[in-house]
PDB file of N, CA and C in Angstrom:
ATOM      1  N   UNK A   1       0.824  -0.855  -0.149  1.00  0.00           N
ATOM      2  CA  UNK A   1      -0.122  -0.349  -0.002  1.00  0.00           C
ATOM      3  C   UNK A   1       1.104   1.169   0.109  1.00  0.00           C
ATOM      4  N   UNK A   2       0.526   2.360  -1.237  1.00  0.00           N
ATOM      5  CA  UNK A   2       1.640   3.123  -0.828  1.00  0.00           C
ATOM      6  C   UNK A   2       0.742   4.415   0.061  1.00  0.00           C
ATOM      7  N   UNK A   3       0.875   5.594  -0.394  1.00  0.00           N
ATOM      8  CA  UNK A   3       0.094   6.495   0.474  1.00  0.00           C
ATOM      9  C   UNK A   3       0.350   6.721   1.645  1.00  0.00           C
ATOM     10  N   UNK A   4      -0.063   7.252   2.865  1.00  0.00           N
ATOM     11  CA  UNK A   4      -0.179   7.703   4.174  1.00  0.00           C
ATOM     12  C   UNK A   4       0.809   6.669   4.576  1.00  0.00           C
ATOM     13  N   UNK A   5      -0.266   4.965   4.424  1.00  0.00           N
ATOM     14  CA  UNK A   5       0.670   4.024   5.442  1.00  0.00           C
ATOM     15  C   UNK A   5       2.040   3.736   4.774  1.00  0.00           C
ATOM     16  N   UNK A   6       2.156   4.022   3.850  1.00  0.00           N
ATOM     17  CA  UNK A   6       3.707   3.242   3.448  1.00  0.00           C
ATOM     18  C   UNK A   6       4.722   4.926   3.602  1.00  0.00           C
ATOM     19  N   UNK A   7       4.304   6.224   3.741  1.00  0.00           N
ATOM     20  CA  UNK A   7       5.041   6.944   4.336  1.00  0.00           C
ATOM     21  C   UNK A   7       5.415   7.068   5.305  1.00  0.00           C
ATOM     22  N   UNK A   8       4.325   6.602   5.972  1.00  0.00           N
ATOM     23  CA  UNK A   8       4.799   6.444   7.804  1.00  0.00           C
ATOM     24  C   UNK A   8       5.632   5.217   7.382  1.00  0.00           C
ATOM     25  N   UNK A   9       5.723   4.092   6.977  1.00  0.00           N
ATOM     26  CA  UNK A   9       6.534   3.177   6.949  1.00  0.00           C
ATOM     27  C   UNK A   9       8.064   3.428   7.140  1.00  0.00           C
ATOM     28  N   UNK A  10       8.179   4.343   5.816  1.00  0.00           N
ATOM     29  CA  UNK A  10       9.811   4.622   4.839  1.00  0.00           C
ATOM     30  C   UNK A  10       9.564   5.536   6.269  1.00  0.00           C
ATOM     31  N   UNK A  11       9.632   6.233   7.015  1.00  0.00           N
ATOM     32  CA  UNK A  11       9.388   7.718   7.927  1.00  0.00           C
ATOM     33  C   UNK A  11       9.982   6.981   9.033  1.00  0.00           C
ATOM     34  N   UNK A  12       9.092   6.327   9.578  1.00  0.00           N
ATOM     35  CA  UNK A  12       9.613   5.163  10.923  1.00  0.00           C
ATOM     36  C   UNK A  12      10.784   4.432  10.567  1.00  0.00           C
ATOM     37  N   UNK A  13      10.916   3.717   9.576  1.00  0.00           N
ATOM     38  CA  UNK A  13      12.173   2.822   9.249  1.00  0.00           C
ATOM     39  C   UNK A  13      13.395   3.838   9.259  1.00  0.00           C
ATOM     40  N   UNK A  14      13.697   4.833   9.406  1.00  0.00           N
ATOM     41  CA  UNK A  14      14.713   6.237   8.682  1.00  0.00           C
ATOM     42  C   UNK A  14      15.010   6.505  10.504  1.00  0.00           C
ATOM     43  N   UNK A  15      13.957   6.155  11.253  1.00  0.00           N
ATOM     44  CA  UNK A  15      14.550   6.710  13.060  1.00  0.00           C
ATOM     45  C   UNK A  15      15.532   5.505  13.455  1.00  0.00           C
ATOM     46  N   UNK A  16      16.598   5.986  14.232  1.00  0.00           N
ATOM     47  CA  UNK A  16      17.316   5.177  14.491  1.00  0.00           C
ATOM     48  C   UNK A  16      16.828   4.151  15.624  1.00  0.00           C
ATOM     49  N   UNK A  17      16.653   3.223  16.099  1.00  0.00           N
ATOM     50  CA  UNK A  17      15.755   2.433  17.086  1.00  0.00           C
ATOM     51  C   UNK A  17      14.634   2.193  16.497  1.00  0.00           C
ATOM     52  N   UNK A  18      14.160   2.366  15.289  1.00  0.00           N
ATOM     53  CA  UNK A  18      12.638   1.733  15.410  1.00  0.00           C
ATOM     54  C   UNK A  18      13.054   0.723  14.141  1.00  0.00           C
ATOM     55  N   UNK A  19      12.180  -0.380  13.977  1.00  0.00           N
ATOM     56  CA  UNK A  19      12.195  -1.483  13.649  1.00  0.00           C
ATOM     57  C   UNK A  19      10.496  -1.704  12.739  1.00  0.00           C
ATOM     58  N   UNK A  20      10.659  -1.250  11.738  1.00  0.00           N
ATOM     59  CA  UNK A  20       9.048  -1.743  11.012  1.00  0.00           C
ATOM     60  C   UNK A  20       8.771  -2.873  10.898  1.00  0.00           C
ATOM     61  N   UNK A  21       7.383  -3.600  11.484  1.00  0.00           N
ATOM     62  CA  UNK A  21       7.495  -5.206  12.144  1.00  0.00           C
ATOM     63  C   UNK A  21       6.415  -5.275  10.560  1.00  0.00           C
ATOM     64  N   UNK A  22       6.097  -4.905   9.678  1.00  0.00           N
ATOM     65  CA  UNK A  22       4.973  -5.516   8.866  1.00  0.00           C
ATOM     66  C   UNK A  22       5.738  -6.174   7.726  1.00  0.00           C
ATOM     67  N   UNK A  23       5.349  -7.068   7.634  1.00  0.00           N
ATOM     68  CA  UNK A  23       5.363  -8.396   6.617  1.00  0.00           C
ATOM     69  C   UNK A  23       4.438  -8.783   5.304  1.00  0.00           C
ATOM     70  N   UNK A  24       5.246  -9.158   4.496  1.00  0.00           N
ATOM     71  CA  UNK A  24       4.403  -9.509   3.269  1.00  0.00           C
ATOM     72  C   UNK A  24       3.953  -8.469   1.894  1.00  0.00           C
ATOM     73  N   UNK A  25       3.874  -8.785   1.044  1.00  0.00           N
ATOM     74  CA  UNK A  25       3.803  -7.681  -0.177  1.00  0.00           C
ATOM     75  C   UNK A  25       2.572  -6.886  -0.249  1.00  0.00           C
ATOM     76  N   UNK A  26       1.400  -7.500   0.248  1.00  0.00           N
ATOM     77  CA  UNK A  26       0.064  -6.590   0.231  1.00  0.00           C
ATOM     78  C   UNK A  26       0.082  -5.732   2.088  1.00  0.00           C
ATOM     79  N   UNK A  27      -0.030  -4.868   1.884  1.00  0.00           N
ATOM     80  CA  UNK A  27       0.140  -4.139   3.162  1.00  0.00           C
ATOM     81  C   UNK A  27      -0.783  -3.375   3.470  1.00  0.00           C
ATOM     82  N   UNK A  28      -1.671  -3.298   4.286  1.00  0.00           N
ATOM     83  CA  UNK A  28      -2.545  -2.137   4.817  1.00  0.00           C
ATOM     84  C   UNK A  28      -2.376  -0.884   5.329  1.00  0.00           C
ATOM     85  N   UNK A  29      -3.404  -0.219   5.696  1.00  0.00           N
ATOM     86  CA  UNK A  29      -3.502   1.175   6.751  1.00  0.00           C
ATOM     87  C   UNK A  29      -2.901   0.637   8.362  1.00  0.00           C
ATOM     88  N   UNK A  30      -2.612  -0.167   8.739  1.00  0.00           N
ATOM     89  CA  UNK A  30      -1.974  -0.450  10.285  1.00  0.00           C
ATOM     90  C   UNK A  30      -0.283  -0.759   9.752  1.00  0.00           C
ATOM     91  N   UNK A  31       0.125  -0.381  10.435  1.00  0.00           N
ATOM     92  CA  UNK A  31       1.382   0.015  10.620  1.00  0.00           C
ATOM     93  C   UNK A  31       2.297  -0.716  12.214  1.00  0.00           C
ATOM     94  N   UNK A  32       3.003  -1.473  12.223  1.00  0.00           N
ATOM     95  CA  UNK A  32       3.358  -2.341  13.267  1.00  0.00           C
ATOM     96  C   UNK A  32       4.400  -2.042  13.279  1.00  0.00           C
ATOM     97  N   UNK A  33       5.407  -1.788  14.787  1.00  0.00           N
ATOM     98  CA  UNK A  33       6.710  -1.384  14.789  1.00  0.00           C
ATOM     99  C   UNK A  33       7.247  -1.605  15.928  1.00  0.00           C
ATOM    100  N   UNK A  34       8.136  -1.233  16.296  1.00  0.00           N
ATOM    101  CA  UNK A  34       8.854  -1.828  17.960  1.00  0.00           C
ATOM    102  C   UNK A  34      10.203  -0.407  17.790  1.00  0.00           C
ATOM    103  N   UNK A  35      10.233   0.236  19.021  1.00  0.00           N
ATOM    104  CA  UNK A  35      11.177   1.030  19.336  1.00  0.00           C
ATOM    105  C   UNK A  35      12.433   0.516  20.379  1.00  0.00           C
ATOM    106  N   UNK A  36      13.344   0.407  19.889  1.00  0.00           N
ATOM    107  CA  UNK A  36      14.653  -0.376  20.872  1.00  0.00           C
ATOM    108  C   UNK A  36      14.623   0.378  22.346  1.00  0.00           C
ATOM    109  N   UNK A  37      14.417   1.278  22.698  1.00  0.00           N
ATOM    110  CA  UNK A  37      14.181   2.056  23.775  1.00  0.00           C
ATOM    111  C   UNK A  37      13.153   1.826  24.762  1.00  0.00           C
ATOM    112  N   UNK A  38      12.085   1.447  23.998  1.00  0.00           N
ATOM    113  CA  UNK A  38      10.910   1.615  25.037  1.00  0.00           C
ATOM    114  C   UNK A  38      10.372   0.004  25.023  1.00  0.00           C
ATOM    115  N   UNK A  39       9.144  -0.006  25.755  1.00  0.00           N
ATOM    116  CA  UNK A  39       8.178  -0.937  25.733  1.00  0.00           C
ATOM    117  C   UNK A  39       7.400  -0.912  24.938  1.00  0.00           C
ATOM    118  N   UNK A  40       6.479  -1.713  24.090  1.00  0.00           N
ATOM    119  CA  UNK A  40       5.715  -1.060  23.352  1.00  0.00           C
ATOM    120  C   UNK A  40       4.154  -0.221  23.889  1.00  0.00           C
ATOM    121  N   UNK A  41       3.694  -0.941  25.220  1.00  0.00           N
ATOM    122  CA  UNK A  41       2.820  -0.098  26.363  1.00  0.00           C
ATOM    123  C   UNK A  41       3.191   1.162  26.898  1.00  0.00           C
ATOM    124  N   UNK A  42       4.634   1.490  26.698  1.00  0.00           N
ATOM    125  CA  UNK A  42       5.452   2.473  27.199  1.00  0.00           C
ATOM    126  C   UNK A  42       5.077   3.670  26.424  1.00  0.00           C
ATOM    127  N   UNK A  43       5.305   3.022  25.300  1.00  0.00           N
ATOM    128  CA  UNK A  43       5.671   4.253  23.977  1.00  0.00           C
ATOM    129  C   UNK A  43       4.121   4.871  23.884  1.00  0.00           C
ATOM    130  N   UNK A  44       2.985   3.149  23.688  1.00  0.00           N
ATOM    131  CA  UNK A  44       1.911   3.905  23.704  1.00  0.00           C
ATOM    132  C   UNK A  44       1.057   4.756  24.710  1.00  0.00           C
ATOM    133  N   UNK A  45       1.708   4.899  25.706  1.00  0.00           N
ATOM    134  CA  UNK A  45       0.666   5.774  26.952  1.00  0.00           C
ATOM    135  C   UNK A  45       1.285   7.268  26.838  1.00  0.00           C
ATOM    136  N   UNK A  46       3.559   6.986  26.448  1.00  0.00           N
ATOM    137  CA  UNK A  46       3.531   8.631  26.277  1.00  0.00           C
ATOM    138  C   UNK A  46       3.335   9.280  24.839  1.00  0.00           C
ATOM    139  N   UNK A  47       2.797   8.536  23.985  1.00  0.00           N
ATOM    140  CA  UNK A  47       2.193   9.334  23.162  1.00  0.00           C
ATOM    141  C   UNK A  47       0.804   9.756  23.170  1.00  0.00           C
ATOM    142  N   UNK A  48      -0.141   8.813  23.586  1.00  0.00           N
ATOM    143  CA  UNK A  48      -1.426   8.902  24.222  1.00  0.00           C
ATOM    144  C   UNK A  48      -1.658  10.695  25.161  1.00  0.00           C
ATOM    145  N   UNK A  49      -0.135  10.417  26.129  1.00  0.00           N
ATOM    146  CA  UNK A  49       0.068  11.907  26.970  1.00  0.00           C
ATOM    147  C   UNK A  49       0.131  12.788  25.635  1.00  0.00           C
ATOM    148  N   UNK A  50       0.504  12.863  24.699  1.00  0.00           N
ATOM    149  CA  UNK A  50       0.765  13.966  23.223  1.00  0.00           C
ATOM    150  C   UNK A  50      -0.518  14.176  22.480  1.00  0.00           C
ATOM    151  N   UNK A  51      -1.648  12.951  22.717  1.00  0.00           N
ATOM    152  CA  UNK A  51      -2.959  13.448  22.276  1.00  0.00           C
ATOM    153  C   UNK A  51      -2.612  12.328  20.639  1.00  0.00           C
ATOM    154  N   UNK A  52      -2.151  11.248  20.792  1.00  0.00           N
ATOM    155  CA  UNK A  52      -1.753  10.564  19.737  1.00  0.00           C
ATOM    156  C   UNK A  52      -2.396   8.793  19.951  1.00  0.00           C
ATOM    157  N   UNK A  53      -3.214   8.525  19.421  1.00  0.00           N
ATOM    158  CA  UNK A  53      -3.518   7.099  19.390  1.00  0.00           C
ATOM    159  C   UNK A  53      -2.900   5.925  19.260  1.00  0.00           C
ATOM    160  N   UNK A  54      -2.267   5.041  19.278  1.00  0.00           N
ATOM    161  CA  UNK A  54      -1.900   3.915  18.851  1.00  0.00           C
ATOM    162  C   UNK A  54      -2.383   2.605  19.927  1.00  0.00           C
ATOM    163  N   UNK A  55      -2.450   1.593  19.318  1.00  0.00           N
ATOM    164  CA  UNK A  55      -2.464   0.131  20.103  1.00  0.00           C
ATOM    165  C   UNK A  55      -1.639  -0.694  20.181  1.00  0.00           C
ATOM    166  N   UNK A  56      -1.560  -1.627  21.401  1.00  0.00           N
ATOM    167  CA  UNK A  56      -0.239  -2.267  21.151  1.00  0.00           C
ATOM    168  C   UNK A  56      -1.044  -4.220  21.376  1.00  0.00           C
ATOM    169  N   UNK A  57      -0.478  -4.587  20.593  1.00  0.00           N
ATOM    170  CA  UNK A  57      -0.816  -5.863  19.797  1.00  0.00           C
ATOM    171  C   UNK A  57       0.224  -6.838  20.647  1.00  0.00           C
ATOM    172  N   UNK A  58      -0.140  -7.907  21.318  1.00  0.00           N
ATOM    173  CA  UNK A  58       0.590  -8.546  22.652  1.00  0.00           C
ATOM    174  C   UNK A  58       0.706  -9.977  21.333  1.00  0.00           C
ATOM    175  N   UNK A  59       1.992 -10.626  21.874  1.00  0.00           N
ATOM    176  CA  UNK A  59       1.558 -12.504  21.706  1.00  0.00           C
ATOM    177  C   UNK A  59       0.743 -13.257  21.387  1.00  0.00           C
ATOM    178  N   UNK A  60      -0.278 -12.913  22.284  1.00  0.00           N
ATOM    179  CA  UNK A  60      -1.607 -13.854  22.528  1.00  0.00           C
ATOM    180  C   UNK A  60      -2.449 -13.452  21.412  1.00  0.00           C
ATOM    181  N   UNK A  61      -2.255 -12.254  20.582  1.00  0.00           N
ATOM    182  CA  UNK A  61      -3.583 -11.873  19.701  1.00  0.00           C
ATOM    183  C   UNK A  61      -2.503 -12.813  18.089  1.00  0.00           C
ATOM    184  N   UNK A  62      -1.193 -12.953  18.117  1.00  0.00           N
ATOM    185  CA  UNK A  62      -0.641 -13.445  16.827  1.00  0.00           C
ATOM    186  C   UNK A  62       0.417 -14.452  17.804  1.00  0.00           C
ATOM    187  N   UNK A  63       0.215 -15.483  17.983  1.00  0.00           N
ATOM    188  CA  UNK A  63       1.091 -15.959  18.887  1.00  0.00           C
ATOM    189  C   UNK A  63       2.273 -16.916  17.717  1.00  0.00           C
ATOM    190  N   UNK A  64       1.603 -17.946  16.891  1.00  0.00           N
ATOM    191  CA  UNK A  64       2.676 -17.941  15.795  1.00  0.00           C
ATOM    192  C   UNK A  64       3.734 -17.268  15.064  1.00  0.00           C
ATOM    193  N   UNK A  65       2.873 -15.971  14.730  1.00  0.00           N
ATOM    194  CA  UNK A  65       3.934 -15.178  13.970  1.00  0.00           C
ATOM    195  C   UNK A  65       5.178 -14.594  14.993  1.00  0.00           C
ATOM    196  N   UNK A  66       4.406 -13.786  16.195  1.00  0.00           N
ATOM    197  CA  UNK A  66       5.602 -13.338  17.310  1.00  0.00           C
ATOM    198  C   UNK A  66       6.746 -14.171  17.772  1.00  0.00           C
ATOM    199  N   UNK A  67       6.265 -15.219  18.093  1.00  0.00           N
ATOM    200  CA  UNK A  67       6.903 -16.294  18.329  1.00  0.00           C
ATOM    201  C   UNK A  67       8.327 -16.627  17.929  1.00  0.00           C
ATOM    202  N   UNK A  68       7.235 -16.739  16.179  1.00  0.00           N
ATOM    203  CA  UNK A  68       8.651 -17.195  15.397  1.00  0.00           C
ATOM    204  C   UNK A  68       9.625 -16.027  15.076  1.00  0.00           C
ATOM    205  N   UNK A  69       9.008 -14.780  15.664  1.00  0.00           N
ATOM    206  CA  UNK A  69       9.893 -13.725  14.889  1.00  0.00           C
ATOM    207  C   UNK A  69      10.568 -13.159  16.194  1.00  0.00           C
ATOM    208  N   UNK A  70      10.526 -14.048  17.565  1.00  0.00           N
ATOM    209  CA  UNK A  70      11.086 -13.433  18.773  1.00  0.00           C
ATOM    210  C   UNK A  70      10.283 -12.118  19.927  1.00  0.00           C
ATOM    211  N   UNK A  71       9.250 -11.428  19.015  1.00  0.00           N
ATOM    212  CA  UNK A  71       8.493 -10.466  19.743  1.00  0.00           C
ATOM    213  C   UNK A  71       7.332 -10.916  20.618  1.00  0.00           C
ATOM    214  N   UNK A  72       7.212  -9.625  21.569  1.00  0.00           N
ATOM    215  CA  UNK A  72       6.301 -10.139  22.814  1.00  0.00           C
ATOM    216  C   UNK A  72       5.313  -9.360  22.567  1.00  0.00           C
ATOM    217  N   UNK A  73       5.402  -7.895  21.946  1.00  0.00           N
ATOM    218  CA  UNK A  73       4.860  -7.205  21.682  1.00  0.00           C
ATOM    219  C   UNK A  73       4.878  -6.134  20.679  1.00  0.00           C
ATOM    220  N   UNK A  74       3.910  -5.519  20.076  1.00  0.00           N
ATOM    221  CA  UNK A  74       4.378  -4.541  18.914  1.00  0.00           C
ATOM    222  C   UNK A  74       3.512  -3.239  19.090  1.00  0.00           C
ATOM    223  N   UNK A  75       3.486  -1.941  18.920  1.00  0.00           N
ATOM    224  CA  UNK A  75       2.566  -0.692  18.713  1.00  0.00           C
ATOM    225  C   UNK A  75       2.311  -1.007  17.194  1.00  0.00           C
ATOM    226  N   UNK A  76       0.761  -0.404  17.100  1.00  0.00           N
ATOM    227  CA  UNK A  76       0.174  -0.349  15.965  1.00  0.00           C
ATOM    228  C   UNK A  76      -0.304   1.377  15.811  1.00  0.00           C
ATOM    229  N   UNK A  77       0.112   1.591  14.578  1.00  0.00           N
ATOM    230  CA  UNK A  77      -0.503   2.854  14.255  1.00  0.00           C
ATOM    231  C   UNK A  77      -1.630   2.445  13.021  1.00  0.00           C
ATOM    232  N   UNK A  78      -2.938   3.107  12.900  1.00  0.00           N
ATOM    233  CA  UNK A  78      -2.997   2.912  11.869  1.00  0.00           C
ATOM    234  C   UNK A  78      -3.628   4.358  11.119  1.00  0.00           C
ATOM    235  N   UNK A  79      -3.336   4.490  10.168  1.00  0.00           N
ATOM    236  CA  UNK A  79      -3.680   6.041   8.648  1.00  0.00           C
ATOM    237  C   UNK A  79      -5.075   5.713   8.364  1.00  0.00           C
ATOM    238  N   UNK A  80      -5.819   6.749   8.245  1.00  0.00           N
ATOM    239  CA  UNK A  80      -6.628   6.323   7.416  1.00  0.00           C
ATOM    240  C   UNK A  80      -7.274   7.228   6.573  1.00  0.00           C
ATOM    241  N   UNK A  81      -8.057   7.704   5.635  1.00  0.00           N
ATOM    242  CA  UNK A  81      -8.190   8.344   4.540  1.00  0.00           C
ATOM    243  C   UNK A  81      -8.410   9.906   4.874  1.00  0.00           C
ATOM    244  N   UNK A  82      -9.025  10.173   6.509  1.00  0.00           N
ATOM    245  CA  UNK A  82      -8.944  11.446   6.590  1.00  0.00           C
ATOM    246  C   UNK A  82      -8.008  12.137   7.482  1.00  0.00           C
ATOM    247  N   UNK A  83      -7.000  11.218   7.527  1.00  0.00           N
ATOM    248  CA  UNK A  83      -5.379  11.923   8.236  1.00  0.00           C
ATOM    249  C   UNK A  83      -4.508  12.183   7.175  1.00  0.00           C
ATOM    250  N   UNK A  84      -3.847  13.192   7.535  1.00  0.00           N
ATOM    251  CA  UNK A  84      -3.099  14.437   6.847  1.00  0.00           C
ATOM    252  C   UNK A  84      -1.373  13.797   6.975  1.00  0.00           C
ATOM    253  N   UNK A  85      -0.819  14.335   6.205  1.00  0.00           N
ATOM    254  CA  UNK A  85       0.906  14.168   5.849  1.00  0.00           C
ATOM    255  C   UNK A  85       1.232  14.686   6.956  1.00  0.00           C
ATOM    256  N   UNK A  86       0.778  15.850   7.634  1.00  0.00           N
ATOM    257  CA  UNK A  86       1.400  16.793   8.596  1.00  0.00           C
ATOM    258  C   UNK A  86       1.132  16.048  10.097  1.00  0.00           C
ATOM    259  N   UNK A  87      -0.198  15.180  10.030  1.00  0.00           N
ATOM    260  CA  UNK A  87      -0.392  14.250  11.316  1.00  0.00           C
ATOM    261  C   UNK A  87       0.708  13.140  11.193  1.00  0.00           C
ATOM    262  N   UNK A  88       1.199  12.388   9.964  1.00  0.00           N
ATOM    263  CA  UNK A  88       2.317  11.289   9.832  1.00  0.00           C
ATOM    264  C   UNK A  88       3.347  12.040  10.803  1.00  0.00           C
ATOM    265  N   UNK A  89       3.873  13.691   9.746  1.00  0.00           N
ATOM    266  CA  UNK A  89       5.317  14.110  10.289  1.00  0.00           C
ATOM    267  C   UNK A  89       4.770  14.312  11.692  1.00  0.00           C
ATOM    268  N   UNK A  90       4.086  14.574  12.570  1.00  0.00           N
ATOM    269  CA  UNK A  90       3.905  14.748  14.005  1.00  0.00           C
ATOM    270  C   UNK A  90       4.399  13.640  14.545  1.00  0.00           C
ATOM    271  N   UNK A  91       3.306  12.605  13.818  1.00  0.00           N
ATOM    272  CA  UNK A  91       3.976  11.469  14.450  1.00  0.00           C
ATOM    273  C   UNK A  91       5.229  10.816  14.714  1.00  0.00           C
ATOM    274  N   UNK A  92       5.868  10.718  13.608  1.00  0.00           N
ATOM    275  CA  UNK A  92       7.078  10.154  13.627  1.00  0.00           C
ATOM    276  C   UNK A  92       7.934  11.040  14.272  1.00  0.00           C
ATOM    277  N   UNK A  93       7.886  11.939  14.913  1.00  0.00           N
ATOM    278  CA  UNK A  93       8.532  13.225  14.882  1.00  0.00           C
ATOM    279  C   UNK A  93       8.688  13.028  16.556  1.00  0.00           C
ATOM    280  N   UNK A  94       6.963  12.547  17.360  1.00  0.00           N
ATOM    281  CA  UNK A  94       6.643  12.128  18.154  1.00  0.00           C
ATOM    282  C   UNK A  94       8.072  10.570  18.792  1.00  0.00           C
ATOM    283  N   UNK A  95       7.399  10.155  17.758  1.00  0.00           N
ATOM    284  CA  UNK A  95       8.621   8.283  17.693  1.00  0.00           C
ATOM    285  C   UNK A  95       9.866   8.924  18.082  1.00  0.00           C
ATOM    286  N   UNK A  96      10.216   9.988  17.380  1.00  0.00           N
ATOM    287  CA  UNK A  96      11.711   9.776  17.088  1.00  0.00           C
ATOM    288  C   UNK A  96      12.297  10.345  18.674  1.00  0.00           C
ATOM    289  N   UNK A  97      11.615  11.669  19.408  1.00  0.00           N
ATOM    290  CA  UNK A  97      12.077  11.948  20.267  1.00  0.00           C
ATOM    291  C   UNK A  97      11.843  10.954  21.293  1.00  0.00           C
ATOM    292  N   UNK A  98      10.774   9.972  21.538  1.00  0.00           N
ATOM    293  CA  UNK A  98      10.694   8.916  22.581  1.00  0.00           C
ATOM    294  C   UNK A  98      11.485   8.422  22.737  1.00  0.00           C
ATOM    295  N   UNK A  99      12.300   7.963  21.531  1.00  0.00           N
ATOM    296  CA  UNK A  99      12.706   6.448  21.111  1.00  0.00           C
ATOM    297  C   UNK A  99      14.290   6.922  21.752  1.00  0.00           C
ATOM    298  N   UNK A 100      14.480   8.209  22.424  1.00  0.00           N
ATOM    299  CA  UNK A 100      15.790   8.624  23.025  1.00  0.00           C
ATOM    300  C   UNK A 100      16.872   9.056  22.204  1.00  0.00           C
ATOM    301  N   UNK A 101      16.842   9.069  21.480  1.00  0.00           N
ATOM    302  CA  UNK A 101      17.798   9.106  20.335  1.00  0.00           C
ATOM    303  C   UNK A 101      18.207  10.711  19.597  1.00  0.00           C
ATOM    304  N   UNK A 102      16.740  11.107  19.670  1.00  0.00           N
ATOM    305  CA  UNK A 102      16.771  12.491  18.814  1.00  0.00           C
ATOM    306  C   UNK A 102      17.472  13.490  19.724  1.00  0.00           C
TER     307      UNK A 102
END
């Protein structure tokens, strides 16, 4: 998928310490990632304090996939047709600051 989700994946992948975890050829508007210096729940809470909503998916939701990749949880951001490039930039900026490497 191109558009906002594609731009979000590209921008997040450029942030030191951030790993975009999406797999597969066909991708949707949900962008899954981890930040090396933060637990997903901690990052979710810190983003919420900035009025940015994300969710966290845990191993119990996708057991076979996460076990195979050695993951316990991931942050999930969803972009939709009503989101803007400015919101994506604000989101990436917040993740960059919260990653501890900004």
